[in-house]
Amino acid sequence: MVLQNVAWTIWLVGAAIIALGFVFVIVQAGKPADDEETRKATHTSHVLQAWAFVVLFVAFVVGSWATLRNFPIPPQSGTLDAQQVVDVIGRQWTWQIKPDTVKAGSTVEFRVTSDDVNHDFALYAPDGRIVTQTQAMPGYTNKLLYTFDVPGTYTVQCLEYCGLMHAEMTQQLQVVAGGDEAAPATASAATAAPSGAELGAKVYGEKCAVCHQAKGEGMPNVFPPLAGDPVVMAADATEHIMTVLHGTHDRVINGKTYAAQMPGWASQLTNEEAAAVINHERTSWGNQAPEVTVKDVAALRNP
């Protein structure tokens, strides 16, 4: 039985017992009683209280042993000797997961941290059931061990409110069968490298669309649109590249101020990825601007 179903069943049984106890007290409250009956009732009450204490204490001890004998939190210092290691960084409002493919049947060590605020790294199975989670905290790395039994596409969701686009902070993790030839560390290399256009669309979908939306329309008064943005459309792409790499805030576009802060992506994107996503923005949704090169991005990475 699924753990959530067990907890639900226990809660229902406990609630039913408490409800029956209230019903019994209400029924007995209306009956007259002499001194002898009162004495017996008091004695019976004390006996029941003693037995209830013993039962609850035993249940607490057994429950604690059953749930904590395999302590779910691994040692946080030193190495864990897991067969696979996945580094996870949470940022408003994306997850950086490397590698993003692991094998079923062998233990995975997740090393989870945050670059800005507290996030909650929660991993959901293909059937929508949460399988494991831990905190993503700035300045600290939480280690989490988990062994996948079922291959498929797992979803990472943030469970701690972290700002305006918290609900959109999702990412996918691919779990392949243990016999597959492609090892997690080389899974990306095992497939053909995407073209520049494909790479740009992929990076945009993973990193940018959560705020600027799939069609570059943005969100009114919150996140600026990229379709028709003068910076995106400019012949000189310097400001566009600088914005993607190093971020910006309080942008005024066509007379409107967008106060939301855009983080810089220099630490997450390679020069190739940054150039690809910039070109995607400069040539999509009706935009027609000169494309940039990898050398253009490299020259502005450390201005």
C-alpha atoms as a PDB file:
ATOM      1  CA  MET A   1       0.000   0.000   0.000  1.00  0.00           C
ATOM      2  CA  VAL A   2       1.185   3.522  -0.802  1.00  0.00           C
ATOM      3  CA  LEU A   3       2.502   5.353   2.278  1.00  0.00           C
ATOM      4  CA  GLN A   4       0.017   8.202   1.815  1.00  0.00           C
ATOM      5  CA  ASN A   5      -2.851   5.679   1.829  1.00  0.00           C
ATOM      6  CA  VAL A   6      -1.545   4.110   5.054  1.00  0.00           C
ATOM      7  CA  ALA A   7      -1.405   7.512   6.737  1.00  0.00           C
ATOM      8  CA  TRP A   8      -4.917   8.315   5.510  1.00  0.00           C
ATOM      9  CA  THR A   9      -6.289   5.013   6.859  1.00  0.00           C
ATOM     10  CA  ILE A  10      -4.648   5.553  10.261  1.00  0.00           C
ATOM     11  CA  TRP A  11      -6.098   9.049  10.448  1.00  0.00           C
ATOM     12  CA  LEU A  12      -9.614   7.831   9.604  1.00  0.00           C
ATOM     13  CA  VAL A  13      -9.467   5.072  12.242  1.00  0.00           C
ATOM     14  CA  GLY A  14      -8.180   7.494  14.868  1.00  0.00           C
ATOM     15  CA  ALA A  15     -10.845  10.070  14.031  1.00  0.00           C
ATOM     16  CA  ALA A  16     -13.559   7.388  14.246  1.00  0.00           C
ATOM     17  CA  ILE A  17     -12.349   6.272  17.707  1.00  0.00           C
ATOM     18  CA  ILE A  18     -12.340   9.850  18.988  1.00  0.00           C
ATOM     19  CA  ALA A  19     -15.819  10.456  17.572  1.00  0.00           C
ATOM     20  CA  LEU A  20     -17.152   7.306  19.261  1.00  0.00           C
ATOM     21  CA  GLY A  21     -15.609   8.461  22.535  1.00  0.00           C
ATOM     22  CA  PHE A  22     -17.495  11.751  22.308  1.00  0.00           C
ATOM     23  CA  VAL A  23     -20.731   9.921  21.507  1.00  0.00           C
ATOM     24  CA  PHE A  24     -20.276   7.645  24.540  1.00  0.00           C
ATOM     25  CA  VAL A  25     -19.672  10.612  26.864  1.00  0.00           C
ATOM     26  CA  ILE A  26     -22.718  12.443  25.519  1.00  0.00           C
ATOM     27  CA  VAL A  27     -24.954   9.374  25.999  1.00  0.00           C
ATOM     28  CA  GLN A  28     -23.704   8.744  29.543  1.00  0.00           C
ATOM     29  CA  ALA A  29     -23.967  12.397  30.570  1.00  0.00           C
ATOM     30  CA  GLY A  30     -27.753  12.282  30.657  1.00  0.00           C
ATOM     31  CA  LYS A  31     -28.039   9.246  32.994  1.00  0.00           C
ATOM     32  CA  PRO A  32     -28.459   9.757  36.759  1.00  0.00           C
ATOM     33  CA  ALA A  33     -25.901   7.952  38.935  1.00  0.00           C
ATOM     34  CA  ASP A  34     -25.584   7.225  42.663  1.00  0.00           C
ATOM     35  CA  ASP A  35     -22.343   7.322  44.647  1.00  0.00           C
ATOM     36  CA  GLU A  36     -21.501   3.683  43.998  1.00  0.00           C
ATOM     37  CA  GLU A  37     -21.984   4.052  40.260  1.00  0.00           C
ATOM     38  CA  THR A  38     -19.905   7.228  40.302  1.00  0.00           C
ATOM     39  CA  ARG A  39     -17.101   5.402  42.150  1.00  0.00           C
ATOM     40  CA  LYS A  40     -17.184   2.523  39.662  1.00  0.00           C
ATOM     41  CA  ALA A  41     -17.258   4.904  36.725  1.00  0.00           C
ATOM     42  CA  THR A  42     -14.268   6.809  38.095  1.00  0.00           C
ATOM     43  CA  HIS A  43     -12.339   3.564  38.611  1.00  0.00           C
ATOM     44  CA  THR A  44     -13.217   2.372  35.114  1.00  0.00           C
ATOM     45  CA  SER A  45     -12.139   5.731  33.698  1.00  0.00           C
ATOM     46  CA  HIS A  46      -8.760   5.485  35.427  1.00  0.00           C
ATOM     47  CA  VAL A  47      -8.242   1.955  34.134  1.00  0.00           C
ATOM     48  CA  LEU A  48      -9.146   2.980  30.602  1.00  0.00           C
ATOM     49  CA  GLN A  49      -6.802   5.977  30.819  1.00  0.00           C
ATOM     50  CA  ALA A  50      -3.964   3.736  31.974  1.00  0.00           C
ATOM     51  CA  TRP A  51      -4.540   1.247  29.168  1.00  0.00           C
ATOM     52  CA  ALA A  52      -4.897   4.049  26.617  1.00  0.00           C
ATOM     53  CA  PHE A  53      -1.557   5.454  27.756  1.00  0.00           C
ATOM     54  CA  VAL A  54       0.101   2.034  27.459  1.00  0.00           C
ATOM     55  CA  VAL A  55      -1.380   1.432  23.988  1.00  0.00           C
ATOM     56  CA  LEU A  56      -0.382   4.894  22.736  1.00  0.00           C
ATOM     57  CA  PHE A  57       3.113   4.559  24.199  1.00  0.00           C
ATOM     58  CA  VAL A  58       3.626   1.157  22.572  1.00  0.00           C
ATOM     59  CA  ALA A  59       2.235   2.489  19.268  1.00  0.00           C
ATOM     60  CA  PHE A  60       4.623   5.457  19.478  1.00  0.00           C
ATOM     61  CA  VAL A  61       7.629   3.219  20.134  1.00  0.00           C
ATOM     62  CA  VAL A  62       6.698   0.726  17.389  1.00  0.00           C
ATOM     63  CA  GLY A  63       5.859   3.503  14.922  1.00  0.00           C
ATOM     64  CA  SER A  64       9.109   5.344  15.622  1.00  0.00           C
ATOM     65  CA  TRP A  65      11.131   2.168  15.162  1.00  0.00           C
ATOM     66  CA  ALA A  66       9.300   1.199  11.973  1.00  0.00           C
ATOM     67  CA  THR A  67       9.686   4.611  10.345  1.00  0.00           C
ATOM     68  CA  LEU A  68      13.113   5.659  11.611  1.00  0.00           C
ATOM     69  CA  ARG A  69      15.102   2.412  11.659  1.00  0.00           C
ATOM     70  CA  ASN A  70      16.068   3.236   8.081  1.00  0.00           C
ATOM     71  CA  PHE A  71      16.730   6.929   8.750  1.00  0.00           C
ATOM     72  CA  PRO A  72      15.789   8.801   5.570  1.00  0.00           C
ATOM     73  CA  ILE A  73      18.411  11.559   5.915  1.00  0.00           C
ATOM     74  CA  PRO A  74      21.915  10.391   4.973  1.00  0.00           C
ATOM     75  CA  PRO A  75      25.078  11.745   6.623  1.00  0.00           C
ATOM     76  CA  GLN A  76      25.693  15.234   5.307  1.00  0.00           C
ATOM     77  CA  SER A  77      29.472  15.211   5.733  1.00  0.00           C
ATOM     78  CA  GLY A  78      31.851  13.122   3.653  1.00  0.00           C
ATOM     79  CA  THR A  79      31.110  11.039   0.594  1.00  0.00           C
ATOM     80  CA  LEU A  80      28.089   8.751   0.313  1.00  0.00           C
ATOM     81  CA  ASP A  81      29.568   6.333  -2.249  1.00  0.00           C
ATOM     82  CA  ALA A  82      26.455   6.485  -4.437  1.00  0.00           C
ATOM     83  CA  GLN A  83      26.728   5.000  -7.935  1.00  0.00           C
ATOM     84  CA  GLN A  84      25.318   8.201  -9.470  1.00  0.00           C
ATOM     85  CA  VAL A  85      25.599  11.865  -8.446  1.00  0.00           C
ATOM     86  CA  VAL A  86      23.255  14.658  -9.573  1.00  0.00           C
ATOM     87  CA  ASP A  87      23.976  18.314  -8.784  1.00  0.00           C
ATOM     88  CA  VAL A  88      20.881  20.460  -8.296  1.00  0.00           C
ATOM     89  CA  ILE A  89      20.779  24.257  -8.006  1.00  0.00           C
ATOM     90  CA  GLY A  90      17.520  26.103  -7.407  1.00  0.00           C
ATOM     91  CA  ARG A  91      17.054  29.654  -8.650  1.00  0.00           C
ATOM     92  CA  GLN A  92      14.039  31.881  -9.070  1.00  0.00           C
ATOM     93  CA  TRP A  93      12.369  30.232 -10.948  1.00  0.00           C
ATOM     94  CA  THR A  94      14.260  27.340 -12.510  1.00  0.00           C
ATOM     95  CA  TRP A  95      16.151  24.216 -11.549  1.00  0.00           C
ATOM     96  CA  GLN A  96      19.624  23.441 -12.862  1.00  0.00           C
ATOM     97  CA  ILE A  97      19.995  19.640 -12.827  1.00  0.00           C
ATOM     98  CA  LYS A  98      23.204  18.006 -14.075  1.00  0.00           C
ATOM     99  CA  PRO A  99      23.059  15.382 -15.363  1.00  0.00           C
ATOM    100  CA  ASP A 100      19.347  15.282 -16.136  1.00  0.00           C
ATOM    101  CA  THR A 101      19.295  11.543 -16.849  1.00  0.00           C
ATOM    102  CA  VAL A 102      19.917   8.725 -14.330  1.00  0.00           C
ATOM    103  CA  LYS A 103      19.583   4.952 -14.280  1.00  0.00           C
ATOM    104  CA  ALA A 104      16.955   2.987 -12.394  1.00  0.00           C
ATOM    105  CA  GLY A 105      18.076   0.322  -9.972  1.00  0.00           C
ATOM    106  CA  SER A 106      21.155   2.050  -8.518  1.00  0.00           C
ATOM    107  CA  THR A 107      21.368   4.692  -5.813  1.00  0.00           C
ATOM    108  CA  VAL A 108      21.419   8.348  -6.838  1.00  0.00           C
ATOM    109  CA  GLU A 109      22.942  11.035  -4.637  1.00  0.00           C
ATOM    110  CA  PHE A 110      21.278  14.431  -5.120  1.00  0.00           C
ATOM    111  CA  ARG A 111      23.360  17.406  -3.980  1.00  0.00           C
ATOM    112  CA  VAL A 112      20.833  20.201  -3.602  1.00  0.00           C
ATOM    113  CA  THR A 113      21.495  23.898  -3.003  1.00  0.00           C
ATOM    114  CA  SER A 114      20.123  27.328  -3.940  1.00  0.00           C
ATOM    115  CA  ASP A 115      21.626  30.445  -5.469  1.00  0.00           C
ATOM    116  CA  ASP A 116      19.096  32.899  -4.034  1.00  0.00           C
ATOM    117  CA  VAL A 117      16.255  32.052  -1.623  1.00  0.00           C
ATOM    118  CA  ASN A 118      14.980  28.883   0.047  1.00  0.00           C
ATOM    119  CA  HIS A 119      13.348  26.381  -2.298  1.00  0.00           C
ATOM    120  CA  ASP A 120      11.989  22.884  -1.704  1.00  0.00           C
ATOM    121  CA  PHE A 121      13.252  20.203  -4.098  1.00  0.00           C
ATOM    122  CA  ALA A 122      10.413  17.692  -4.491  1.00  0.00           C
ATOM    123  CA  LEU A 123      10.545  14.811  -6.951  1.00  0.00           C
ATOM    124  CA  TYR A 124       7.334  13.360  -8.399  1.00  0.00           C
ATOM    125  CA  ALA A 125       7.002   9.986 -10.107  1.00  0.00           C
ATOM    126  CA  PRO A 126       5.312   9.670 -13.534  1.00  0.00           C
ATOM    127  CA  ASP A 127       2.042   8.779 -11.761  1.00  0.00           C
ATOM    128  CA  GLY A 128       2.080  12.089  -9.849  1.00  0.00           C
ATOM    129  CA  ARG A 129       3.131  10.592  -6.505  1.00  0.00           C
ATOM    130  CA  ILE A 130       5.844  12.413  -4.555  1.00  0.00           C
ATOM    131  CA  VAL A 131       8.778  10.070  -3.954  1.00  0.00           C
ATOM    132  CA  THR A 132      11.350  12.202  -2.131  1.00  0.00           C
ATOM    133  CA  GLN A 133      12.190  15.804  -1.229  1.00  0.00           C
ATOM    134  CA  THR A 134      14.643  18.046   0.589  1.00  0.00           C
ATOM    135  CA  GLN A 135      15.325  21.720   1.146  1.00  0.00           C
ATOM    136  CA  ALA A 136      17.385  23.800  -1.277  1.00  0.00           C
ATOM    137  CA  MET A 137      19.069  26.462   0.845  1.00  0.00           C
ATOM    138  CA  PRO A 138      21.537  29.188  -0.149  1.00  0.00           C
ATOM    139  CA  GLY A 139      25.034  28.611   1.173  1.00  0.00           C
ATOM    140  CA  TYR A 140      24.407  24.962   2.104  1.00  0.00           C
ATOM    141  CA  THR A 141      24.225  21.685   0.199  1.00  0.00           C
ATOM    142  CA  ASN A 142      21.715  19.067   1.305  1.00  0.00           C
ATOM    143  CA  LYS A 143      22.474  15.494   0.288  1.00  0.00           C
ATOM    144  CA  LEU A 144      19.650  13.143  -0.588  1.00  0.00           C
ATOM    145  CA  LEU A 145      19.817   9.454  -1.527  1.00  0.00           C
ATOM    146  CA  TYR A 146      17.171   7.769  -3.634  1.00  0.00           C
ATOM    147  CA  THR A 147      16.961   4.623  -5.745  1.00  0.00           C
ATOM    148  CA  PHE A 148      14.545   4.703  -8.676  1.00  0.00           C
ATOM    149  CA  ASP A 149      12.678   1.465  -9.323  1.00  0.00           C
ATOM    150  CA  VAL A 150      10.581   2.579 -12.284  1.00  0.00           C
ATOM    151  CA  PRO A 151      11.968   4.263 -15.436  1.00  0.00           C
ATOM    152  CA  GLY A 152      10.138   7.259 -16.819  1.00  0.00           C
ATOM    153  CA  THR A 153       9.923  11.038 -16.739  1.00  0.00           C
ATOM    154  CA  TYR A 154      10.006  12.422 -13.200  1.00  0.00           C
ATOM    155  CA  THR A 155       9.032  16.003 -12.387  1.00  0.00           C
ATOM    156  CA  VAL A 156      10.850  18.331 -10.013  1.00  0.00           C
ATOM    157  CA  GLN A 157       8.594  20.876  -8.316  1.00  0.00           C
ATOM    158  CA  CYS A 158       9.363  23.591  -5.768  1.00  0.00           C
ATOM    159  CA  LEU A 159       7.190  23.125  -2.664  1.00  0.00           C
ATOM    160  CA  GLU A 160       8.239  26.281  -0.816  1.00  0.00           C
ATOM    161  CA  TYR A 161       6.801  29.604  -1.949  1.00  0.00           C
ATOM    162  CA  CYS A 162       9.716  31.478  -3.488  1.00  0.00           C
ATOM    163  CA  GLY A 163       8.155  34.386  -5.340  1.00  0.00           C
ATOM    164  CA  LEU A 164       5.761  35.319  -8.094  1.00  0.00           C
ATOM    165  CA  MET A 165       6.463  32.410 -10.471  1.00  0.00           C
ATOM    166  CA  HIS A 166       6.824  29.745  -7.778  1.00  0.00           C
ATOM    167  CA  ALA A 167       4.143  27.510  -9.300  1.00  0.00           C
ATOM    168  CA  GLU A 168       5.990  27.437 -12.629  1.00  0.00           C
ATOM    169  CA  MET A 169       9.300  26.313 -11.101  1.00  0.00           C
ATOM    170  CA  THR A 170       9.392  22.809 -12.554  1.00  0.00           C
ATOM    171  CA  GLN A 171      11.941  20.663 -14.343  1.00  0.00           C
ATOM    172  CA  GLN A 172      12.113  17.099 -15.619  1.00  0.00           C
ATOM    173  CA  LEU A 173      14.455  14.262 -14.753  1.00  0.00           C
ATOM    174  CA  GLN A 174      14.710  11.261 -17.047  1.00  0.00           C
ATOM    175  CA  VAL A 175      15.107   7.827 -15.449  1.00  0.00           C
ATOM    176  CA  VAL A 176      16.212   5.121 -17.903  1.00  0.00           C
ATOM    177  CA  ALA A 177      16.262   1.362 -17.423  1.00  0.00           C
ATOM    178  CA  GLY A 178      19.357   0.045 -15.701  1.00  0.00           C
ATOM    179  CA  GLY A 179      20.406  -1.963 -18.755  1.00  0.00           C
ATOM    180  CA  ASP A 180      20.494   1.043 -21.069  1.00  0.00           C
ATOM    181  CA  GLU A 181      23.897   1.710 -22.530  1.00  0.00           C
ATOM    182  CA  ALA A 182      23.792   5.475 -22.035  1.00  0.00           C
ATOM    183  CA  ALA A 183      25.228   6.262 -18.600  1.00  0.00           C
ATOM    184  CA  PRO A 184      23.855   9.369 -16.866  1.00  0.00           C
ATOM    185  CA  ALA A 185      27.113  11.276 -17.119  1.00  0.00           C
ATOM    186  CA  THR A 186      27.274  10.675 -20.861  1.00  0.00           C
ATOM    187  CA  ALA A 187      23.583  10.671 -21.676  1.00  0.00           C
ATOM    188  CA  SER A 188      23.750  14.058 -23.380  1.00  0.00           C
ATOM    189  CA  ALA A 189      26.779  13.064 -25.406  1.00  0.00           C
ATOM    190  CA  ALA A 190      25.084   9.865 -26.510  1.00  0.00           C
ATOM    191  CA  THR A 191      22.555  11.825 -28.514  1.00  0.00           C
ATOM    192  CA  ALA A 192      23.291  14.000 -31.490  1.00  0.00           C
ATOM    193  CA  ALA A 193      24.021  17.613 -30.611  1.00  0.00           C
ATOM    194  CA  PRO A 194      21.029  19.831 -31.416  1.00  0.00           C
ATOM    195  CA  SER A 195      21.290  22.514 -34.060  1.00  0.00           C
ATOM    196  CA  GLY A 196      21.622  26.135 -33.004  1.00  0.00           C
ATOM    197  CA  ALA A 197      17.913  26.774 -33.561  1.00  0.00           C
ATOM    198  CA  GLU A 198      16.921  23.645 -31.629  1.00  0.00           C
ATOM    199  CA  LEU A 199      19.302  24.493 -28.798  1.00  0.00           C
ATOM    200  CA  GLY A 200      17.967  28.040 -28.601  1.00  0.00           C
ATOM    201  CA  ALA A 201      14.360  26.868 -28.433  1.00  0.00           C
ATOM    202  CA  LYS A 202      15.274  24.281 -25.797  1.00  0.00           C
ATOM    203  CA  VAL A 203      17.112  26.757 -23.570  1.00  0.00           C
ATOM    204  CA  TYR A 204      14.335  29.319 -23.953  1.00  0.00           C
ATOM    205  CA  GLY A 205      11.698  26.764 -22.964  1.00  0.00           C
ATOM    206  CA  GLU A 206      13.671  25.646 -19.910  1.00  0.00           C
ATOM    207  CA  LYS A 207      15.017  28.984 -18.669  1.00  0.00           C
ATOM    208  CA  CYS A 208      13.076  31.914 -20.106  1.00  0.00           C
ATOM    209  CA  ALA A 209       9.504  30.910 -20.931  1.00  0.00           C
ATOM    210  CA  VAL A 210       8.468  30.707 -17.283  1.00  0.00           C
ATOM    211  CA  CYS A 211       8.614  34.521 -17.104  1.00  0.00           C
ATOM    212  CA  HIS A 212       8.558  35.788 -20.688  1.00  0.00           C
ATOM    213  CA  GLN A 213       6.002  33.145 -21.743  1.00  0.00           C
ATOM    214  CA  ALA A 214       6.143  30.707 -24.642  1.00  0.00           C
ATOM    215  CA  LYS A 215       5.370  33.300 -27.324  1.00  0.00           C
ATOM    216  CA  GLY A 216       7.513  36.054 -25.846  1.00  0.00           C
ATOM    217  CA  GLU A 217       4.499  38.101 -24.745  1.00  0.00           C
ATOM    218  CA  GLY A 218       5.687  38.466 -21.133  1.00  0.00           C
ATOM    219  CA  MET A 219       3.323  39.292 -18.266  1.00  0.00           C
ATOM    220  CA  PRO A 220       1.779  42.776 -18.092  1.00  0.00           C
ATOM    221  CA  ASN A 221       3.535  45.078 -15.607  1.00  0.00           C
ATOM    222  CA  VAL A 222       5.652  42.187 -14.302  1.00  0.00           C
ATOM    223  CA  PHE A 223       7.863  40.623 -16.964  1.00  0.00           C
ATOM    224  CA  PRO A 224       8.577  42.509 -20.210  1.00  0.00           C
ATOM    225  CA  PRO A 225       7.628  41.089 -23.579  1.00  0.00           C
ATOM    226  CA  LEU A 226      10.456  40.030 -25.863  1.00  0.00           C
ATOM    227  CA  ALA A 227       8.356  40.280 -28.992  1.00  0.00           C
ATOM    228  CA  GLY A 228       9.043  43.751 -30.299  1.00  0.00           C
ATOM    229  CA  ASP A 229      11.398  44.653 -27.437  1.00  0.00           C
ATOM    230  CA  PRO A 230      13.718  47.434 -28.692  1.00  0.00           C
ATOM    231  CA  VAL A 231      16.737  45.786 -27.034  1.00  0.00           C
ATOM    232  CA  VAL A 232      15.979  42.458 -28.673  1.00  0.00           C
ATOM    233  CA  MET A 233      15.371  44.124 -32.019  1.00  0.00           C
ATOM    234  CA  ALA A 234      18.450  46.381 -31.922  1.00  0.00           C
ATOM    235  CA  ALA A 235      21.107  45.940 -34.587  1.00  0.00           C
ATOM    236  CA  ASP A 236      23.757  46.205 -31.862  1.00  0.00           C
ATOM    237  CA  ALA A 237      23.192  43.172 -29.649  1.00  0.00           C
ATOM    238  CA  THR A 238      25.522  44.276 -26.829  1.00  0.00           C
ATOM    239  CA  GLU A 239      22.774  45.202 -24.369  1.00  0.00           C
ATOM    240  CA  HIS A 240      20.820  42.047 -25.217  1.00  0.00           C
ATOM    241  CA  ILE A 241      23.853  39.846 -24.523  1.00  0.00           C
ATOM    242  CA  MET A 242      24.693  41.726 -21.308  1.00  0.00           C
ATOM    243  CA  THR A 243      21.125  41.358 -20.083  1.00  0.00           C
ATOM    244  CA  VAL A 244      21.063  37.608 -20.649  1.00  0.00           C
ATOM    245  CA  LEU A 245      24.469  37.075 -19.046  1.00  0.00           C
ATOM    246  CA  HIS A 246      24.333  39.508 -16.151  1.00  0.00           C
ATOM    247  CA  GLY A 247      20.664  40.278 -15.559  1.00  0.00           C
ATOM    248  CA  THR A 248      18.755  43.521 -15.129  1.00  0.00           C
ATOM    249  CA  HIS A 249      15.889  45.139 -13.234  1.00  0.00           C
ATOM    250  CA  ASP A 250      13.560  48.140 -13.370  1.00  0.00           C
ATOM    251  CA  ARG A 251      13.563  48.050 -17.163  1.00  0.00           C
ATOM    252  CA  VAL A 252      11.527  50.739 -18.941  1.00  0.00           C
ATOM    253  CA  ILE A 253      10.166  49.470 -22.261  1.00  0.00           C
ATOM    254  CA  ASN A 254       7.899  51.582 -24.402  1.00  0.00           C
ATOM    255  CA  GLY A 255       7.128  53.813 -21.428  1.00  0.00           C
ATOM    256  CA  LYS A 256       6.312  50.953 -19.015  1.00  0.00           C
ATOM    257  CA  THR A 257       8.481  50.044 -16.014  1.00  0.00           C
ATOM    258  CA  TYR A 258       8.973  46.357 -15.229  1.00  0.00           C
ATOM    259  CA  ALA A 259      10.229  46.107 -11.659  1.00  0.00           C
ATOM    260  CA  ALA A 260      10.835  42.339 -11.561  1.00  0.00           C
ATOM    261  CA  GLN A 261      14.508  41.457 -11.382  1.00  0.00           C
ATOM    262  CA  MET A 262      15.918  39.231 -14.102  1.00  0.00           C
ATOM    263  CA  PRO A 263      18.792  37.051 -12.870  1.00  0.00           C
ATOM    264  CA  GLY A 264      21.980  36.722 -14.888  1.00  0.00           C
ATOM    265  CA  TRP A 265      22.495  33.396 -16.629  1.00  0.00           C
ATOM    266  CA  ALA A 266      26.276  33.517 -17.074  1.00  0.00           C
ATOM    267  CA  SER A 267      26.834  30.830 -14.441  1.00  0.00           C
ATOM    268  CA  GLN A 268      24.283  28.476 -16.003  1.00  0.00           C
ATOM    269  CA  LEU A 269      24.670  28.877 -19.753  1.00  0.00           C
ATOM    270  CA  THR A 270      27.679  28.135 -21.901  1.00  0.00           C
ATOM    271  CA  ASN A 271      28.621  30.629 -24.594  1.00  0.00           C
ATOM    272  CA  GLU A 272      26.998  28.329 -27.155  1.00  0.00           C
ATOM    273  CA  GLU A 273      23.750  28.092 -25.173  1.00  0.00           C
ATOM    274  CA  ALA A 274      23.628  31.842 -24.522  1.00  0.00           C
ATOM    275  CA  ALA A 275      24.211  32.655 -28.197  1.00  0.00           C
ATOM    276  CA  ALA A 276      21.564  30.139 -29.250  1.00  0.00           C
ATOM    277  CA  VAL A 277      18.858  31.478 -26.907  1.00  0.00           C
ATOM    278  CA  ILE A 278      19.660  35.102 -27.808  1.00  0.00           C
ATOM    279  CA  ASN A 279      19.323  34.261 -31.507  1.00  0.00           C
ATOM    280  CA  HIS A 280      16.066  32.448 -30.770  1.00  0.00           C
ATOM    281  CA  GLU A 281      14.707  35.623 -29.184  1.00  0.00           C
ATOM    282  CA  ARG A 282      16.013  37.848 -31.989  1.00  0.00           C
ATOM    283  CA  THR A 283      14.374  35.765 -34.735  1.00  0.00           C
ATOM    284  CA  SER A 284      11.082  34.619 -33.152  1.00  0.00           C
ATOM    285  CA  TRP A 285       7.560  36.085 -32.725  1.00  0.00           C
ATOM    286  CA  GLY A 286       8.053  38.484 -35.620  1.00  0.00           C
ATOM    287  CA  ASN A 287      11.434  39.759 -34.420  1.00  0.00           C
ATOM    288  CA  GLN A 288      13.981  40.205 -37.212  1.00  0.00           C
ATOM    289  CA  ALA A 289      17.346  41.234 -35.775  1.00  0.00           C
ATOM    290  CA  PRO A 290      20.919  40.277 -36.683  1.00  0.00           C
ATOM    291  CA  GLU A 291      22.102  37.111 -34.981  1.00  0.00           C
ATOM    292  CA  VAL A 292      25.034  36.973 -32.578  1.00  0.00           C
ATOM    293  CA  THR A 293      28.000  34.602 -32.505  1.00  0.00           C
ATOM    294  CA  VAL A 294      29.581  32.574 -29.747  1.00  0.00           C
ATOM    295  CA  LYS A 295      32.549  34.976 -29.903  1.00  0.00           C
ATOM    296  CA  ASP A 296      30.217  37.921 -29.282  1.00  0.00           C
ATOM    297  CA  VAL A 297      28.958  36.265 -26.098  1.00  0.00           C
ATOM    298  CA  ALA A 298      32.432  35.243 -24.940  1.00  0.00           C
ATOM    299  CA  ALA A 299      33.700  38.807 -25.326  1.00  0.00           C
ATOM    300  CA  LEU A 300      31.015  40.131 -22.953  1.00  0.00           C
ATOM    301  CA  ARG A 301      30.993  37.318 -20.425  1.00  0.00           C
ATOM    302  CA  ASN A 302      33.657  39.026 -18.282  1.00  0.00           C
ATOM    303  CA  PRO A 303      33.475  42.659 -19.352  1.00  0.00           C
END
